[in-house]
Amino acid sequence: MVAFLVVLDIIPRLAQITRSFNKIHAYEAAVVAGSLVFTWADFWDGKLHMFPMGTALVGLLAGCFVGMLAAALTEIINVLPILAKRVGMGAYMILLLMAMIFGKVIGSLFEWLLY
């Protein structure tokens, strides 16, 4: 997930929007620390008992993350035609997009049905 966030440039974009470039190292440290903590928590298989408002807060923060991720993916999709033309795949743009879509669908179905 960290590599995905780095590829999408979410952290520098967040620092640019909030005008907080001086805190970019704290953002990066938070992403790495979150990855380590929640990887450990996944192996631990514990349960976190929260009161309803705490659950709502976690849901709100998760929604903010998904929204930022969707915005970053939208920016990548806007860049995709330019990149395809530079690489010489302009004629195969539809095939490239369909491969991305089918890959996502097949991966999701695999996780939901078999894993």
PDB file of N, CA and C in Angstrom:
ATOM      1  N   MET A   1       0.817  -1.187   0.000  1.00  0.00           N
ATOM      2  CA  MET A   1       0.000   0.000   0.000  1.00  0.00           C
ATOM      3  C   MET A   1       0.862   1.251   0.000  1.00  0.00           C
ATOM      4  N   VAL A   2       1.994   1.204   0.699  1.00  0.00           N
ATOM      5  CA  VAL A   2       2.873   2.368   0.729  1.00  0.00           C
ATOM      6  C   VAL A   2       3.386   2.663  -0.672  1.00  0.00           C
ATOM      7  N   ALA A   3       3.767   1.616  -1.407  1.00  0.00           N
ATOM      8  CA  ALA A   3       4.251   1.826  -2.768  1.00  0.00           C
ATOM      9  C   ALA A   3       3.157   2.427  -3.638  1.00  0.00           C
ATOM     10  N   PHE A   4       1.922   1.993  -3.434  1.00  0.00           N
ATOM     11  CA  PHE A   4       0.800   2.533  -4.193  1.00  0.00           C
ATOM     12  C   PHE A   4       0.612   4.020  -3.898  1.00  0.00           C
ATOM     13  N   LEU A   5       0.729   4.409  -2.634  1.00  0.00           N
ATOM     14  CA  LEU A   5       0.606   5.822  -2.268  1.00  0.00           C
ATOM     15  C   LEU A   5       1.744   6.649  -2.850  1.00  0.00           C
ATOM     16  N   VAL A   6       2.940   6.065  -2.901  1.00  0.00           N
ATOM     17  CA  VAL A   6       4.083   6.785  -3.461  1.00  0.00           C
ATOM     18  C   VAL A   6       3.914   6.963  -4.962  1.00  0.00           C
ATOM     19  N   VAL A   7       3.473   5.917  -5.652  1.00  0.00           N
ATOM     20  CA  VAL A   7       3.287   6.008  -7.106  1.00  0.00           C
ATOM     21  C   VAL A   7       2.240   7.056  -7.457  1.00  0.00           C
ATOM     22  N   LEU A   8       1.182   7.138  -6.677  1.00  0.00           N
ATOM     23  CA  LEU A   8       0.124   8.110  -6.952  1.00  0.00           C
ATOM     24  C   LEU A   8       0.463   9.517  -6.465  1.00  0.00           C
ATOM     25  N   ASP A   9       1.597   9.693  -5.788  1.00  0.00           N
ATOM     26  CA  ASP A   9       2.027  11.003  -5.276  1.00  0.00           C
ATOM     27  C   ASP A   9       0.976  11.650  -4.385  1.00  0.00           C
ATOM     28  N   ILE A  10       0.357  10.869  -3.537  1.00  0.00           N
ATOM     29  CA  ILE A  10      -0.669  11.422  -2.651  1.00  0.00           C
ATOM     30  C   ILE A  10      -0.050  12.308  -1.584  1.00  0.00           C
ATOM     31  N   ILE A  11       1.087  11.901  -1.032  1.00  0.00           N
ATOM     32  CA  ILE A  11       1.684  12.669   0.061  1.00  0.00           C
ATOM     33  C   ILE A  11       2.161  14.042  -0.410  1.00  0.00           C
ATOM     34  N   PRO A  12       2.935  14.146  -1.505  1.00  0.00           N
ATOM     35  CA  PRO A  12       3.309  15.495  -1.960  1.00  0.00           C
ATOM     36  C   PRO A  12       2.107  16.337  -2.386  1.00  0.00           C
ATOM     37  N   ARG A  13       1.111  15.700  -2.975  1.00  0.00           N
ATOM     38  CA  ARG A  13      -0.094  16.447  -3.376  1.00  0.00           C
ATOM     39  C   ARG A  13      -0.839  16.967  -2.148  1.00  0.00           C
ATOM     40  N   LEU A  14      -0.926  16.152  -1.113  1.00  0.00           N
ATOM     41  CA  LEU A  14      -1.560  16.582   0.128  1.00  0.00           C
ATOM     42  C   LEU A  14      -0.791  17.749   0.747  1.00  0.00           C
ATOM     43  N   ALA A  15       0.531  17.668   0.726  1.00  0.00           N
ATOM     44  CA  ALA A  15       1.345  18.767   1.255  1.00  0.00           C
ATOM     45  C   ALA A  15       1.175  20.030   0.413  1.00  0.00           C
ATOM     46  N   GLN A  16       1.024  19.868  -0.895  1.00  0.00           N
ATOM     47  CA  GLN A  16       0.825  21.025  -1.771  1.00  0.00           C
ATOM     48  C   GLN A  16      -0.528  21.683  -1.508  1.00  0.00           C
ATOM     49  N   ILE A  17      -1.566  20.891  -1.380  1.00  0.00           N
ATOM     50  CA  ILE A  17      -2.905  21.448  -1.168  1.00  0.00           C
ATOM     51  C   ILE A  17      -3.000  22.155   0.181  1.00  0.00           C
ATOM     52  N   THR A  18      -2.398  21.566   1.208  1.00  0.00           N
ATOM     53  CA  THR A  18      -2.489  22.146   2.551  1.00  0.00           C
ATOM     54  C   THR A  18      -1.376  23.149   2.842  1.00  0.00           C
ATOM     55  N   ARG A  19      -0.489  23.351   1.889  1.00  0.00           N
ATOM     56  CA  ARG A  19       0.650  24.271   2.039  1.00  0.00           C
ATOM     57  C   ARG A  19       1.481  23.930   3.282  1.00  0.00           C
ATOM     58  N   SER A  20       1.796  22.672   3.422  1.00  0.00           N
ATOM     59  CA  SER A  20       2.560  22.223   4.590  1.00  0.00           C
ATOM     60  C   SER A  20       3.748  21.357   4.167  1.00  0.00           C
ATOM     61  N   PHE A  21       4.564  21.868   3.240  1.00  0.00           N
ATOM     62  CA  PHE A  21       5.727  21.113   2.778  1.00  0.00           C
ATOM     63  C   PHE A  21       6.731  20.876   3.904  1.00  0.00           C
ATOM     64  N   ASN A  22       6.734  21.749   4.914  1.00  0.00           N
ATOM     65  CA  ASN A  22       7.675  21.559   6.018  1.00  0.00           C
ATOM     66  C   ASN A  22       7.324  20.342   6.878  1.00  0.00           C
ATOM     67  N   LYS A  23       6.138  19.792   6.727  1.00  0.00           N
ATOM     68  CA  LYS A  23       5.717  18.621   7.507  1.00  0.00           C
ATOM     69  C   LYS A  23       5.689  17.341   6.672  1.00  0.00           C
ATOM     70  N   ILE A  24       6.300  17.360   5.495  1.00  0.00           N
ATOM     71  CA  ILE A  24       6.205  16.205   4.601  1.00  0.00           C
ATOM     72  C   ILE A  24       6.884  14.974   5.202  1.00  0.00           C
ATOM     73  N   HIS A  25       7.952  15.172   5.983  1.00  0.00           N
ATOM     74  CA  HIS A  25       8.603  14.021   6.624  1.00  0.00           C
ATOM     75  C   HIS A  25       7.688  13.389   7.672  1.00  0.00           C
ATOM     76  N   ALA A  26       6.904  14.209   8.346  1.00  0.00           N
ATOM     77  CA  ALA A  26       5.940  13.665   9.315  1.00  0.00           C
ATOM     78  C   ALA A  26       4.855  12.867   8.595  1.00  0.00           C
ATOM     79  N   TYR A  27       4.408  13.345   7.425  1.00  0.00           N
ATOM     80  CA  TYR A  27       3.411  12.600   6.649  1.00  0.00           C
ATOM     81  C   TYR A  27       3.965  11.243   6.231  1.00  0.00           C
ATOM     82  N   GLU A  28       5.200  11.247   5.731  1.00  0.00           N
ATOM     83  CA  GLU A  28       5.808   9.995   5.285  1.00  0.00           C
ATOM     84  C   GLU A  28       6.018   9.036   6.456  1.00  0.00           C
ATOM     85  N   ALA A  29       6.452   9.573   7.593  1.00  0.00           N
ATOM     86  CA  ALA A  29       6.635   8.727   8.780  1.00  0.00           C
ATOM     87  C   ALA A  29       5.301   8.149   9.240  1.00  0.00           C
ATOM     88  N   ALA A  30       4.236   8.927   9.140  1.00  0.00           N
ATOM     89  CA  ALA A  30       2.912   8.439   9.541  1.00  0.00           C
ATOM     90  C   ALA A  30       2.454   7.300   8.637  1.00  0.00           C
ATOM     91  N   VAL A  31       2.727   7.398   7.346  1.00  0.00           N
ATOM     92  CA  VAL A  31       2.333   6.332   6.420  1.00  0.00           C
ATOM     93  C   VAL A  31       3.111   5.052   6.717  1.00  0.00           C
ATOM     94  N   VAL A  32       4.412   5.185   6.936  1.00  0.00           N
ATOM     95  CA  VAL A  32       5.227   4.003   7.230  1.00  0.00           C
ATOM     96  C   VAL A  32       4.830   3.397   8.574  1.00  0.00           C
ATOM     97  N   ALA A  33       4.648   4.243   9.588  1.00  0.00           N
ATOM     98  CA  ALA A  33       4.247   3.733  10.907  1.00  0.00           C
ATOM     99  C   ALA A  33       2.875   3.063  10.839  1.00  0.00           C
ATOM    100  N   GLY A  34       1.950   3.651  10.114  1.00  0.00           N
ATOM    101  CA  GLY A  34       0.631   3.043   9.961  1.00  0.00           C
ATOM    102  C   GLY A  34       0.701   1.702   9.269  1.00  0.00           C
ATOM    103  N   SER A  35       1.551   1.599   8.256  1.00  0.00           N
ATOM    104  CA  SER A  35       1.708   0.319   7.561  1.00  0.00           C
ATOM    105  C   SER A  35       2.263  -0.744   8.493  1.00  0.00           C
ATOM    106  N   LEU A  36       3.269  -0.384   9.273  1.00  0.00           N
ATOM    107  CA  LEU A  36       3.865  -1.355  10.190  1.00  0.00           C
ATOM    108  C   LEU A  36       2.891  -1.770  11.291  1.00  0.00           C
ATOM    109  N   VAL A  37       2.212  -0.804  11.881  1.00  0.00           N
ATOM    110  CA  VAL A  37       1.291  -1.106  12.979  1.00  0.00           C
ATOM    111  C   VAL A  37       0.137  -1.972  12.499  1.00  0.00           C
ATOM    112  N   PHE A  38      -0.446  -1.629  11.359  1.00  0.00           N
ATOM    113  CA  PHE A  38      -1.611  -2.384  10.917  1.00  0.00           C
ATOM    114  C   PHE A  38      -1.232  -3.718  10.280  1.00  0.00           C
ATOM    115  N   THR A  39      -0.003  -3.854   9.788  1.00  0.00           N
ATOM    116  CA  THR A  39       0.463  -5.176   9.374  1.00  0.00           C
ATOM    117  C   THR A  39       0.600  -6.073  10.596  1.00  0.00           C
ATOM    118  N   TRP A  40       1.177  -5.541  11.660  1.00  0.00           N
ATOM    119  CA  TRP A  40       1.285  -6.292  12.906  1.00  0.00           C
ATOM    120  C   TRP A  40      -0.101  -6.640  13.451  1.00  0.00           C
ATOM    121  N   ALA A  41      -1.015  -5.684  13.398  1.00  0.00           N
ATOM    122  CA  ALA A  41      -2.372  -5.922  13.898  1.00  0.00           C
ATOM    123  C   ALA A  41      -3.087  -6.991  13.075  1.00  0.00           C
ATOM    124  N   ASP A  42      -2.785  -7.060  11.788  1.00  0.00           N
ATOM    125  CA  ASP A  42      -3.400  -8.078  10.943  1.00  0.00           C
ATOM    126  C   ASP A  42      -2.929  -9.473  11.346  1.00  0.00           C
ATOM    127  N   PHE A  43      -1.652  -9.610  11.667  1.00  0.00           N
ATOM    128  CA  PHE A  43      -1.139 -10.902  12.118  1.00  0.00           C
ATOM    129  C   PHE A  43      -1.625 -11.245  13.522  1.00  0.00           C
ATOM    130  N   TRP A  44      -1.857 -10.245  14.343  1.00  0.00           N
ATOM    131  CA  TRP A  44      -2.277 -10.441  15.727  1.00  0.00           C
ATOM    132  C   TRP A  44      -3.701 -10.971  15.800  1.00  0.00           C
ATOM    133  N   ASP A  45      -4.546 -10.577  14.873  1.00  0.00           N
ATOM    134  CA  ASP A  45      -5.933 -11.028  14.773  1.00  0.00           C
ATOM    135  C   ASP A  45      -6.733 -10.704  16.033  1.00  0.00           C
ATOM    136  N   GLY A  46      -6.477  -9.528  16.572  1.00  0.00           N
ATOM    137  CA  GLY A  46      -7.210  -9.100  17.749  1.00  0.00           C
ATOM    138  C   GLY A  46      -8.461  -8.324  17.359  1.00  0.00           C
ATOM    139  N   LYS A  47      -9.256  -8.046  18.354  1.00  0.00           N
ATOM    140  CA  LYS A  47     -10.475  -7.282  18.122  1.00  0.00           C
ATOM    141  C   LYS A  47     -10.377  -5.984  18.899  1.00  0.00           C
ATOM    142  N   LEU A  48     -10.857  -4.942  18.301  1.00  0.00           N
ATOM    143  CA  LEU A  48     -10.846  -3.628  18.924  1.00  0.00           C
ATOM    144  C   LEU A  48     -12.286  -3.251  19.232  1.00  0.00           C
ATOM    145  N   HIS A  49     -12.614  -3.200  20.498  1.00  0.00           N
ATOM    146  CA  HIS A  49     -13.979  -2.862  20.904  1.00  0.00           C
ATOM    147  C   HIS A  49     -14.075  -1.348  21.040  1.00  0.00           C
ATOM    148  N   MET A  50     -14.904  -0.751  20.207  1.00  0.00           N
ATOM    149  CA  MET A  50     -15.033   0.703  20.197  1.00  0.00           C
ATOM    150  C   MET A  50     -16.479   1.090  20.468  1.00  0.00           C
ATOM    151  N   PHE A  51     -16.647   2.258  21.029  1.00  0.00           N
ATOM    152  CA  PHE A  51     -17.995   2.779  21.201  1.00  0.00           C
ATOM    153  C   PHE A  51     -18.499   3.280  19.851  1.00  0.00           C
ATOM    154  N   PRO A  52     -19.795   3.439  19.662  1.00  0.00           N
ATOM    155  CA  PRO A  52     -20.348   3.769  18.339  1.00  0.00           C
ATOM    156  C   PRO A  52     -19.776   5.045  17.715  1.00  0.00           C
ATOM    157  N   MET A  53     -19.529   6.073  18.503  1.00  0.00           N
ATOM    158  CA  MET A  53     -18.982   7.302  17.922  1.00  0.00           C
ATOM    159  C   MET A  53     -17.541   7.101  17.459  1.00  0.00           C
ATOM    160  N   GLY A  54     -16.804   6.232  18.134  1.00  0.00           N
ATOM    161  CA  GLY A  54     -15.450   5.909  17.691  1.00  0.00           C
ATOM    162  C   GLY A  54     -15.471   5.187  16.358  1.00  0.00           C
ATOM    163  N   THR A  55     -16.430   4.305  16.197  1.00  0.00           N
ATOM    164  CA  THR A  55     -16.588   3.608  14.925  1.00  0.00           C
ATOM    165  C   THR A  55     -16.949   4.591  13.818  1.00  0.00           C
ATOM    166  N   ALA A  56     -17.791   5.564  14.135  1.00  0.00           N
ATOM    167  CA  ALA A  56     -18.157   6.584  13.149  1.00  0.00           C
ATOM    168  C   ALA A  56     -16.940   7.415  12.759  1.00  0.00           C
ATOM    169  N   LEU A  57     -16.075   7.723  13.717  1.00  0.00           N
ATOM    170  CA  LEU A  57     -14.864   8.493  13.422  1.00  0.00           C
ATOM    171  C   LEU A  57     -13.933   7.704  12.507  1.00  0.00           C
ATOM    172  N   VAL A  58     -13.757   6.423  12.792  1.00  0.00           N
ATOM    173  CA  VAL A  58     -12.922   5.577  11.933  1.00  0.00           C
ATOM    174  C   VAL A  58     -13.519   5.507  10.528  1.00  0.00           C
ATOM    175  N   GLY A  59     -14.838   5.381  10.429  1.00  0.00           N
ATOM    176  CA  GLY A  59     -15.494   5.365   9.120  1.00  0.00           C
ATOM    177  C   GLY A  59     -15.298   6.666   8.369  1.00  0.00           C
ATOM    178  N   LEU A  60     -15.365   7.790   9.074  1.00  0.00           N
ATOM    179  CA  LEU A  60     -15.146   9.093   8.443  1.00  0.00           C
ATOM    180  C   LEU A  60     -13.725   9.211   7.913  1.00  0.00           C
ATOM    181  N   LEU A  61     -12.750   8.799   8.711  1.00  0.00           N
ATOM    182  CA  LEU A  61     -11.357   8.864   8.266  1.00  0.00           C
ATOM    183  C   LEU A  61     -11.101   7.914   7.095  1.00  0.00           C
ATOM    184  N   ALA A  62     -11.701   6.732   7.126  1.00  0.00           N
ATOM    185  CA  ALA A  62     -11.556   5.797   6.009  1.00  0.00           C
ATOM    186  C   ALA A  62     -12.190   6.367   4.746  1.00  0.00           C
ATOM    187  N   GLY A  63     -13.318   7.045   4.894  1.00  0.00           N
ATOM    188  CA  GLY A  63     -13.953   7.685   3.742  1.00  0.00           C
ATOM    189  C   GLY A  63     -13.097   8.795   3.158  1.00  0.00           C
ATOM    190  N   CYS A  64     -12.440   9.569   4.018  1.00  0.00           N
ATOM    191  CA  CYS A  64     -11.524  10.612   3.532  1.00  0.00           C
ATOM    192  C   CYS A  64     -10.377   9.989   2.749  1.00  0.00           C
ATOM    193  N   PHE A  65      -9.844   8.875   3.261  1.00  0.00           N
ATOM    194  CA  PHE A  65      -8.754   8.199   2.568  1.00  0.00           C
ATOM    195  C   PHE A  65      -9.200   7.696   1.201  1.00  0.00           C
ATOM    196  N   VAL A  66     -10.364   7.075   1.145  1.00  0.00           N
ATOM    197  CA  VAL A  66     -10.866   6.551  -0.131  1.00  0.00           C
ATOM    198  C   VAL A  66     -11.117   7.695  -1.112  1.00  0.00           C
ATOM    199  N   GLY A  67     -11.628   8.816  -0.624  1.00  0.00           N
ATOM    200  CA  GLY A  67     -11.847   9.970  -1.493  1.00  0.00           C
ATOM    201  C   GLY A  67     -10.550  10.514  -2.063  1.00  0.00           C
ATOM    202  N   MET A  68      -9.516  10.608  -1.226  1.00  0.00           N
ATOM    203  CA  MET A  68      -8.222  11.084  -1.717  1.00  0.00           C
ATOM    204  C   MET A  68      -7.622  10.100  -2.707  1.00  0.00           C
ATOM    205  N   LEU A  69      -7.796   8.819  -2.453  1.00  0.00           N
ATOM    206  CA  LEU A  69      -7.290   7.803  -3.369  1.00  0.00           C
ATOM    207  C   LEU A  69      -8.016   7.868  -4.707  1.00  0.00           C
ATOM    208  N   ALA A  70      -9.321   8.087  -4.682  1.00  0.00           N
ATOM    209  CA  ALA A  70     -10.089   8.218  -5.924  1.00  0.00           C
ATOM    210  C   ALA A  70      -9.655   9.455  -6.703  1.00  0.00           C
ATOM    211  N   ALA A  71      -9.396  10.555  -6.008  1.00  0.00           N
ATOM    212  CA  ALA A  71      -8.927  11.765  -6.690  1.00  0.00           C
ATOM    213  C   ALA A  71      -7.561  11.535  -7.323  1.00  0.00           C
ATOM    214  N   ALA A  72      -6.686  10.817  -6.625  1.00  0.00           N
ATOM    215  CA  ALA A  72      -5.369  10.521  -7.184  1.00  0.00           C
ATOM    216  C   ALA A  72      -5.490   9.614  -8.400  1.00  0.00           C
ATOM    217  N   LEU A  73      -6.374   8.633  -8.347  1.00  0.00           N
ATOM    218  CA  LEU A  73      -6.579   7.757  -9.505  1.00  0.00           C
ATOM    219  C   LEU A  73      -7.147   8.530 -10.688  1.00  0.00           C
ATOM    220  N   THR A  74      -7.999   9.514 -10.419  1.00  0.00           N
ATOM    221  CA  THR A  74      -8.536  10.349 -11.494  1.00  0.00           C
ATOM    222  C   THR A  74      -7.427  11.125 -12.174  1.00  0.00           C
ATOM    223  N   GLU A  75      -6.488  11.652 -11.386  1.00  0.00           N
ATOM    224  CA  GLU A  75      -5.360  12.361 -11.983  1.00  0.00           C
ATOM    225  C   GLU A  75      -4.504  11.423 -12.820  1.00  0.00           C
ATOM    226  N   ILE A  76      -4.329  10.182 -12.367  1.00  0.00           N
ATOM    227  CA  ILE A  76      -3.550   9.209 -13.134  1.00  0.00           C
ATOM    228  C   ILE A  76      -4.253   8.881 -14.445  1.00  0.00           C
ATOM    229  N   ILE A  77      -5.567   8.721 -14.410  1.00  0.00           N
ATOM    230  CA  ILE A  77      -6.317   8.427 -15.633  1.00  0.00           C
ATOM    231  C   ILE A  77      -6.201   9.581 -16.621  1.00  0.00           C
ATOM    232  N   ASN A  78      -6.135  10.817 -16.136  1.00  0.00           N
ATOM    233  CA  ASN A  78      -5.955  11.955 -17.031  1.00  0.00           C
ATOM    234  C   ASN A  78      -4.569  11.953 -17.663  1.00  0.00           C
ATOM    235  N   VAL A  79      -3.586  11.413 -16.973  1.00  0.00           N
ATOM    236  CA  VAL A  79      -2.217  11.373 -17.483  1.00  0.00           C
ATOM    237  C   VAL A  79      -2.013  10.184 -18.416  1.00  0.00           C
ATOM    238  N   LEU A  80      -2.834   9.161 -18.285  1.00  0.00           N
ATOM    239  CA  LEU A  80      -2.653   7.927 -19.043  1.00  0.00           C
ATOM    240  C   LEU A  80      -2.615   8.125 -20.562  1.00  0.00           C
ATOM    241  N   PRO A  81      -3.503   8.915 -21.178  1.00  0.00           N
ATOM    242  CA  PRO A  81      -3.407   9.098 -22.632  1.00  0.00           C
ATOM    243  C   PRO A  81      -2.105   9.757 -23.074  1.00  0.00           C
ATOM    244  N   ILE A  82      -1.612  10.703 -22.302  1.00  0.00           N
ATOM    245  CA  ILE A  82      -0.352  11.368 -22.648  1.00  0.00           C
ATOM    246  C   ILE A  82       0.795  10.369 -22.573  1.00  0.00           C
ATOM    247  N   LEU A  83       0.810   9.570 -21.514  1.00  0.00           N
ATOM    248  CA  LEU A  83       1.854   8.566 -21.357  1.00  0.00           C
ATOM    249  C   LEU A  83       1.791   7.531 -22.478  1.00  0.00           C
ATOM    250  N   ALA A  84       0.596   7.103 -22.850  1.00  0.00           N
ATOM    251  CA  ALA A  84       0.445   6.105 -23.917  1.00  0.00           C
ATOM    252  C   ALA A  84       0.966   6.641 -25.246  1.00  0.00           C
ATOM    253  N   LYS A  85       0.729   7.919 -25.523  1.00  0.00           N
ATOM    254  CA  LYS A  85       1.229   8.500 -26.775  1.00  0.00           C
ATOM    255  C   LYS A  85       2.746   8.596 -26.767  1.00  0.00           C
ATOM    256  N   ARG A  86       3.330   8.949 -25.635  1.00  0.00           N
ATOM    257  CA  ARG A  86       4.790   9.063 -25.555  1.00  0.00           C
ATOM    258  C   ARG A  86       5.473   7.714 -25.679  1.00  0.00           C
ATOM    259  N   VAL A  87       4.843   6.672 -25.155  1.00  0.00           N
ATOM    260  CA  VAL A  87       5.424   5.337 -25.220  1.00  0.00           C
ATOM    261  C   VAL A  87       5.146   4.684 -26.573  1.00  0.00           C
ATOM    262  N   GLY A  88       4.223   5.259 -27.335  1.00  0.00           N
ATOM    263  CA  GLY A  88       3.892   4.703 -28.639  1.00  0.00           C
ATOM    264  C   GLY A  88       2.738   3.724 -28.595  1.00  0.00           C
ATOM    265  N   MET A  89       1.919   3.796 -27.551  1.00  0.00           N
ATOM    266  CA  MET A  89       0.776   2.895 -27.425  1.00  0.00           C
ATOM    267  C   MET A  89      -0.536   3.639 -27.604  1.00  0.00           C
ATOM    268  N   GLY A  90      -0.516   4.771 -28.284  1.00  0.00           N
ATOM    269  CA  GLY A  90      -1.726   5.564 -28.473  1.00  0.00           C
ATOM    270  C   GLY A  90      -2.833   4.798 -29.172  1.00  0.00           C
ATOM    271  N   ALA A  91      -2.464   3.938 -30.116  1.00  0.00           N
ATOM    272  CA  ALA A  91      -3.462   3.159 -30.851  1.00  0.00           C
ATOM    273  C   ALA A  91      -4.071   2.055 -29.985  1.00  0.00           C
ATOM    274  N   TYR A  92      -3.390   1.683 -28.922  1.00  0.00           N
ATOM    275  CA  TYR A  92      -3.854   0.598 -28.056  1.00  0.00           C
ATOM    276  C   TYR A  92      -4.459   1.113 -26.750  1.00  0.00           C
ATOM    277  N   MET A  93      -4.886   2.362 -26.739  1.00  0.00           N
ATOM    278  CA  MET A  93      -5.390   2.977 -25.513  1.00  0.00           C
ATOM    279  C   MET A  93      -6.604   2.226 -24.957  1.00  0.00           C
ATOM    280  N   ILE A  94      -7.532   1.852 -25.813  1.00  0.00           N
ATOM    281  CA  ILE A  94      -8.723   1.125 -25.358  1.00  0.00           C
ATOM    282  C   ILE A  94      -8.323  -0.217 -24.754  1.00  0.00           C
ATOM    283  N   LEU A  95      -7.397  -0.921 -25.405  1.00  0.00           N
ATOM    284  CA  LEU A  95      -6.949  -2.211 -24.869  1.00  0.00           C
ATOM    285  C   LEU A  95      -6.258  -2.041 -23.521  1.00  0.00           C
ATOM    286  N   LEU A  96      -5.490  -0.972 -23.377  1.00  0.00           N
ATOM    287  CA  LEU A  96      -4.810  -0.710 -22.115  1.00  0.00           C
ATOM    288  C   LEU A  96      -5.813  -0.452 -20.993  1.00  0.00           C
ATOM    289  N   LEU A  97      -6.814   0.360 -21.259  1.00  0.00           N
ATOM    290  CA  LEU A  97      -7.841   0.631 -20.253  1.00  0.00           C
ATOM    291  C   LEU A  97      -8.659  -0.619 -19.931  1.00  0.00           C
ATOM    292  N   MET A  98      -9.002  -1.399 -20.954  1.00  0.00           N
ATOM    293  CA  MET A  98      -9.770  -2.622 -20.715  1.00  0.00           C
ATOM    294  C   MET A  98      -8.957  -3.630 -19.898  1.00  0.00           C
ATOM    295  N   ALA A  99      -7.650  -3.709 -20.153  1.00  0.00           N
ATOM    296  CA  ALA A  99      -6.800  -4.604 -19.364  1.00  0.00           C
ATOM    297  C   ALA A  99      -6.782  -4.177 -17.902  1.00  0.00           C
ATOM    298  N   MET A 100      -6.728  -2.867 -17.660  1.00  0.00           N
ATOM    299  CA  MET A 100      -6.757  -2.376 -16.281  1.00  0.00           C
ATOM    300  C   MET A 100      -8.094  -2.694 -15.615  1.00  0.00           C
ATOM    301  N   ILE A 101      -9.181  -2.489 -16.337  1.00  0.00           N
ATOM    302  CA  ILE A 101     -10.512  -2.740 -15.774  1.00  0.00           C
ATOM    303  C   ILE A 101     -10.716  -4.224 -15.497  1.00  0.00           C
ATOM    304  N   PHE A 102     -10.394  -5.076 -16.482  1.00  0.00           N
ATOM    305  CA  PHE A 102     -10.584  -6.511 -16.284  1.00  0.00           C
ATOM    306  C   PHE A 102      -9.665  -7.053 -15.189  1.00  0.00           C
ATOM    307  N   GLY A 103      -8.459  -6.517 -15.091  1.00  0.00           N
ATOM    308  CA  GLY A 103      -7.564  -6.927 -14.014  1.00  0.00           C
ATOM    309  C   GLY A 103      -8.146  -6.609 -12.650  1.00  0.00           C
ATOM    310  N   LYS A 104      -8.736  -5.429 -12.523  1.00  0.00           N
ATOM    311  CA  LYS A 104      -9.358  -5.043 -11.255  1.00  0.00           C
ATOM    312  C   LYS A 104     -10.562  -5.932 -10.944  1.00  0.00           C
ATOM    313  N   VAL A 105     -11.395  -6.185 -11.944  1.00  0.00           N
ATOM    314  CA  VAL A 105     -12.591  -7.012 -11.732  1.00  0.00           C
ATOM    315  C   VAL A 105     -12.203  -8.441 -11.371  1.00  0.00           C
ATOM    316  N   ILE A 106     -11.269  -9.024 -12.097  1.00  0.00           N
ATOM    317  CA  ILE A 106     -10.865 -10.406 -11.829  1.00  0.00           C
ATOM    318  C   ILE A 106     -10.194 -10.514 -10.463  1.00  0.00           C
ATOM    319  N   GLY A 107      -9.352  -9.534 -10.122  1.00  0.00           N
ATOM    320  CA  GLY A 107      -8.724  -9.542  -8.801  1.00  0.00           C
ATOM    321  C   GLY A 107      -9.743  -9.430  -7.682  1.00  0.00           C
ATOM    322  N   SER A 108     -10.744  -8.579  -7.856  1.00  0.00           N
ATOM    323  CA  SER A 108     -11.789  -8.434  -6.839  1.00  0.00           C
ATOM    324  C   SER A 108     -12.609  -9.711  -6.709  1.00  0.00           C
ATOM    325  N   LEU A 109     -12.991 -10.304  -7.840  1.00  0.00           N
ATOM    326  CA  LEU A 109     -13.758 -11.551  -7.789  1.00  0.00           C
ATOM    327  C   LEU A 109     -12.958 -12.673  -7.136  1.00  0.00           C
ATOM    328  N   PHE A 110     -11.666 -12.726  -7.436  1.00  0.00           N
ATOM    329  CA  PHE A 110     -10.818 -13.740  -6.808  1.00  0.00           C
ATOM    330  C   PHE A 110     -10.814 -13.575  -5.292  1.00  0.00           C
ATOM    331  N   GLU A 111     -10.653 -12.335  -4.839  1.00  0.00           N
ATOM    332  CA  GLU A 111     -10.620 -12.108  -3.386  1.00  0.00           C
ATOM    333  C   GLU A 111     -11.964 -12.415  -2.744  1.00  0.00           C
ATOM    334  N   TRP A 112     -13.046 -11.996  -3.362  1.00  0.00           N
ATOM    335  CA  TRP A 112     -14.366 -12.174  -2.755  1.00  0.00           C
ATOM    336  C   TRP A 112     -14.831 -13.623  -2.775  1.00  0.00           C
ATOM    337  N   LEU A 113     -14.558 -14.335  -3.868  1.00  0.00           N
ATOM    338  CA  LEU A 113     -15.121 -15.670  -4.027  1.00  0.00           C
ATOM    339  C   LEU A 113     -14.196 -16.799  -3.578  1.00  0.00           C
ATOM    340  N   LEU A 114     -12.896 -16.638  -3.743  1.00  0.00           N
ATOM    341  CA  LEU A 114     -11.983 -17.741  -3.460  1.00  0.00           C
ATOM    342  C   LEU A 114     -11.144 -17.539  -2.213  1.00  0.00           C
ATOM    343  N   TYR A 115     -10.836 -16.328  -1.862  1.00  0.00           N
ATOM    344  CA  TYR A 115      -9.946 -16.088  -0.732  1.00  0.00           C
ATOM    345  C   TYR A 115     -10.750 -15.878   0.465  1.00  0.00           C
TER     346      TYR A 115
END
